[in-house]
């Protein structure tokens, strides 16, 4: 059931792990000089968080910044063979089995206008061959009723499962999910807005 997600995440993780042992651009080259392009790298601290930069979630909605707080330990078993051990925060563990609401973007797992199973992601998809976020900012959603695809943000409600070493590679799954609101004004335009976009419902759920 989760092979499609496992393949997507596996490809992403292998791409990252596959560079193990190769010096990063910020490391010193063998000549003793900084590697080419090191001065062009972005400080991770400068990468904007989802909230307070792109859109604001309604009051009472679980934020991606909360779901993204975790410690991940990588155990390398061999070439292109790694195991990721996740240590969730107490705040996240307390959400396991609880009814929650999460706002994000619909990333379809197969073709179609409506979807009963998809990924809800913190960032909108911009490429059919690329995941828009890492596993800490994605939730597998299993719906009671299919949801029509939209490029705009949506608000989903359902029972959250915090996954421990799930074979799909996912960290979160929402069961019995249903659409709560759509936010037609919150969509990716190619650049961050000057101020966070407020989550004002635009369309009634179908």
Protein backbone atom coordinates (compact mmCIF):
# COMPACT_ATOMS: atom_id res chain seq x y z
CA UNK A 1 0.00 0.00 0.00
CA UNK A 2 2.84 2.35 0.79
CA UNK A 3 5.30 1.26 -1.91
CA UNK A 4 4.77 4.44 -3.91
CA UNK A 5 5.66 6.67 -0.98
CA UNK A 6 8.56 4.44 0.01
CA UNK A 7 10.01 4.71 -3.50
CA UNK A 8 9.69 8.50 -3.54
CA UNK A 9 11.24 8.97 -0.12
CA UNK A 10 13.85 6.31 -0.78
CA UNK A 11 15.01 8.08 -3.91
CA UNK A 12 15.31 11.36 -2.01
CA UNK A 13 17.14 9.82 0.94
CA UNK A 14 19.48 7.82 -1.28
CA UNK A 15 20.37 10.98 -3.13
CA UNK A 16 21.33 12.55 0.18
CA UNK A 17 23.08 9.52 1.66
CA UNK A 18 24.81 8.82 -1.63
CA UNK A 19 26.96 11.91 -1.08
CA UNK A 20 28.34 10.53 2.19
CA UNK A 21 32.10 10.63 2.14
CA UNK A 22 32.18 13.39 -0.48
CA UNK A 23 33.38 16.69 1.03
CA UNK A 24 30.70 19.35 1.19
CA UNK A 25 31.27 22.61 -0.63
CA UNK A 26 31.92 24.33 2.67
CA UNK A 27 34.72 21.90 3.60
CA UNK A 28 38.38 22.47 2.83
CA UNK A 29 39.65 20.96 -0.40
CA UNK A 30 42.76 18.77 -0.52
CA UNK A 31 44.80 21.80 -1.56
CA UNK A 32 44.00 23.48 1.74
CA UNK A 33 41.83 26.07 0.04
CA UNK A 34 38.06 26.36 0.55
CA UNK A 35 36.13 24.27 -1.98
CA UNK A 36 34.77 26.09 -4.99
CA UNK A 37 31.42 27.74 -4.38
CA UNK A 38 31.65 27.68 -0.59
CA UNK A 39 31.08 31.42 -0.43
CA UNK A 40 27.79 30.97 -2.33
CA UNK A 41 26.21 28.51 0.13
CA UNK A 42 23.17 29.60 2.14
CA UNK A 43 23.46 29.46 5.89
CA UNK A 44 20.77 26.98 7.08
CA UNK A 45 19.68 29.59 9.63
CA UNK A 46 18.69 31.83 6.72
CA UNK A 47 16.31 29.30 5.19
CA UNK A 48 12.80 30.54 6.08
CA UNK A 49 10.55 28.47 8.27
CA UNK A 50 7.15 27.67 6.78
CA UNK A 51 5.18 29.75 9.20
CA UNK A 52 5.71 33.46 9.63
CA UNK A 53 7.22 33.55 6.13
CA UNK A 54 4.74 32.03 3.65
CA UNK A 55 1.37 31.59 5.36
CA UNK A 56 -0.20 31.65 8.80
CA UNK A 57 -2.17 28.69 10.09
CA UNK A 58 -5.51 29.25 11.86
CA UNK A 59 -5.64 29.10 15.63
CA UNK A 60 -5.73 25.53 16.93
CA UNK A 61 -4.13 24.04 13.80
CA UNK A 62 -0.98 21.95 14.27
CA UNK A 63 1.94 23.77 12.64
CA UNK A 64 4.65 22.20 10.51
CA UNK A 65 7.22 23.81 12.75
CA UNK A 66 5.90 21.61 15.58
CA UNK A 67 5.94 18.45 13.45
CA UNK A 68 9.43 19.25 12.20
CA UNK A 69 10.99 19.32 15.68
CA UNK A 70 12.78 15.97 15.96
CA UNK A 71 16.21 14.38 16.19
CA UNK A 72 17.18 12.03 13.36
CA UNK A 73 20.12 9.63 13.70
CA UNK A 74 21.45 8.01 10.53
CA UNK A 75 22.87 4.49 10.81
CA UNK A 76 24.91 3.61 7.72
CA UNK A 77 24.76 -0.13 7.06
CA UNK A 78 26.70 -0.06 3.81
CA UNK A 79 26.86 1.64 0.42
CA UNK A 80 23.43 3.19 -0.25
CA UNK A 81 22.08 1.34 2.80
CA UNK A 82 21.09 3.52 5.72
CA UNK A 83 18.55 3.40 8.54
CA UNK A 84 17.02 6.58 9.95
CA UNK A 85 16.12 6.52 13.65
CA UNK A 86 13.74 9.31 14.69
CA UNK A 87 13.33 10.69 18.19
CA UNK A 88 10.11 12.73 18.36
CA UNK A 89 9.55 15.48 20.90
CA UNK A 90 7.10 14.94 23.76
CA UNK A 91 4.76 17.48 22.15
CA UNK A 92 4.63 15.41 18.96
CA UNK A 93 4.29 12.09 20.79
CA UNK A 94 1.26 13.51 22.62
CA UNK A 95 -0.48 14.02 19.26
CA UNK A 96 -0.41 10.30 18.42
CA UNK A 97 -3.99 9.03 18.12
CA UNK A 98 -5.46 12.49 18.55
CA UNK A 99 -7.90 14.35 16.32
CA UNK A 100 -5.91 17.18 14.73
CA UNK A 101 -6.10 19.75 11.96
CA UNK A 102 -3.17 20.38 9.61
CA UNK A 103 -2.91 22.95 6.83
CA UNK A 104 -0.81 22.35 3.73
CA UNK A 105 -0.84 21.45 0.05
CA UNK A 106 -2.12 18.37 -1.76
CA UNK A 107 0.62 16.30 -3.41
CA UNK A 108 -1.07 13.55 -5.47
CA UNK A 109 0.36 10.04 -5.54
CA UNK A 110 -1.39 9.10 -8.79
CA UNK A 111 -3.26 10.75 -11.64
CA UNK A 112 -6.81 11.98 -11.22
CA UNK A 113 -8.96 14.98 -10.38
CA UNK A 114 -9.86 13.80 -6.87
CA UNK A 115 -7.79 11.84 -4.38
CA UNK A 116 -8.65 9.69 -1.37
CA UNK A 117 -4.97 9.11 -0.55
CA UNK A 118 -2.30 11.75 -0.97
CA UNK A 119 0.50 13.61 0.78
CA UNK A 120 -0.22 16.83 2.62
CA UNK A 121 2.95 18.91 2.44
CA UNK A 122 4.17 22.11 4.08
CA UNK A 123 5.28 23.59 0.76
CA UNK A 124 3.33 23.43 -2.53
CA UNK A 125 4.58 21.00 -5.21
CA UNK A 126 6.42 22.68 -8.07
CA UNK A 127 7.72 19.65 -9.98
CA UNK A 128 5.99 16.31 -10.76
CA UNK A 129 9.26 14.46 -10.17
CA UNK A 130 10.36 16.14 -6.92
CA UNK A 131 9.08 16.06 -3.38
CA UNK A 132 8.39 19.58 -2.06
CA UNK A 133 9.55 18.79 1.46
CA UNK A 134 11.27 16.23 3.64
CA UNK A 135 9.43 13.54 5.64
CA UNK A 136 9.15 15.82 8.69
CA UNK A 137 6.98 18.19 6.62
CA UNK A 138 4.72 15.64 4.96
CA UNK A 139 1.72 13.68 6.18
CA UNK A 140 0.18 10.73 4.38
CA UNK A 141 -3.56 11.40 4.25
CA UNK A 142 -6.22 8.68 4.00
CA UNK A 143 -9.60 10.32 3.37
CA UNK A 144 -13.16 9.35 4.10
CA UNK A 145 -14.21 11.11 0.86
CA UNK A 146 -11.93 12.03 -2.07
CA UNK A 147 -10.62 15.61 -2.18
CA UNK A 148 -10.39 17.55 -5.45
CA UNK A 149 -6.88 18.60 -6.39
CA UNK A 150 -6.04 22.27 -5.93
CA UNK A 151 -2.86 24.33 -6.16
CA UNK A 152 -4.05 26.30 -3.15
CA UNK A 153 -3.66 25.46 0.52
CA UNK A 154 -6.19 23.20 2.19
CA UNK A 155 -7.03 22.39 5.80
CA UNK A 156 -7.50 18.73 6.67
CA UNK A 157 -8.79 17.13 9.88
CA UNK A 158 -8.36 13.56 11.02
CA UNK A 159 -6.69 11.18 13.46
CA UNK A 160 -2.90 11.57 13.47
CA UNK A 161 -0.57 8.59 13.76
CA UNK A 162 3.04 9.25 14.73
CA UNK A 163 4.98 6.50 12.94
CA UNK A 164 7.97 4.68 14.38
CA UNK A 165 10.23 3.07 11.76
CA UNK A 166 7.37 2.78 9.26
CA UNK A 167 8.47 0.86 6.11
CA UNK A 168 6.98 3.61 3.91
CA UNK A 169 9.53 6.09 5.27
CA UNK A 170 6.76 8.39 6.48
CA UNK A 171 6.78 9.97 9.93
CA UNK A 172 3.09 10.94 10.05
CA UNK A 173 -0.21 9.55 8.78
CA UNK A 174 -3.72 11.01 9.06
CA UNK A 175 -6.58 8.51 9.06
CA UNK A 176 -10.31 9.15 8.53
CA UNK A 177 -9.33 12.52 7.10
CA UNK A 178 -11.78 15.09 5.77
CA UNK A 179 -11.50 18.47 4.10
CA UNK A 180 -12.28 21.41 6.40
CA UNK A 181 -11.42 24.51 4.35
CA UNK A 182 -9.77 25.69 1.16
CA UNK A 183 -7.64 28.82 0.94
CA UNK A 184 -7.65 29.97 -2.68
CA UNK A 185 -5.44 33.00 -2.01
CA UNK A 186 -2.59 30.93 -0.56
CA UNK A 187 -0.61 29.43 -3.41
CA UNK A 188 2.97 29.50 -4.64
CA UNK A 189 3.75 32.40 -6.99
CA UNK A 190 7.47 31.79 -7.28
CA UNK A 191 8.53 34.02 -4.40
CA UNK A 192 7.73 34.55 -0.75
CA UNK A 193 5.18 37.27 0.01
CA UNK A 194 6.24 40.45 1.80
CA UNK A 195 4.23 39.29 4.82
CA UNK A 196 2.69 35.92 5.76
CA UNK A 197 -0.60 35.23 4.04
CA UNK A 198 -3.47 34.91 6.54
CA UNK A 199 -5.51 31.72 6.37
CA UNK A 200 -8.88 33.14 5.35
CA UNK A 201 -11.29 30.49 4.02
CA UNK A 202 -12.20 31.15 0.41
CA UNK A 203 -14.18 28.12 -0.69
CA UNK A 204 -16.54 25.79 1.13
CA UNK A 205 -15.34 22.15 1.20
CA UNK A 206 -16.85 19.83 -1.38
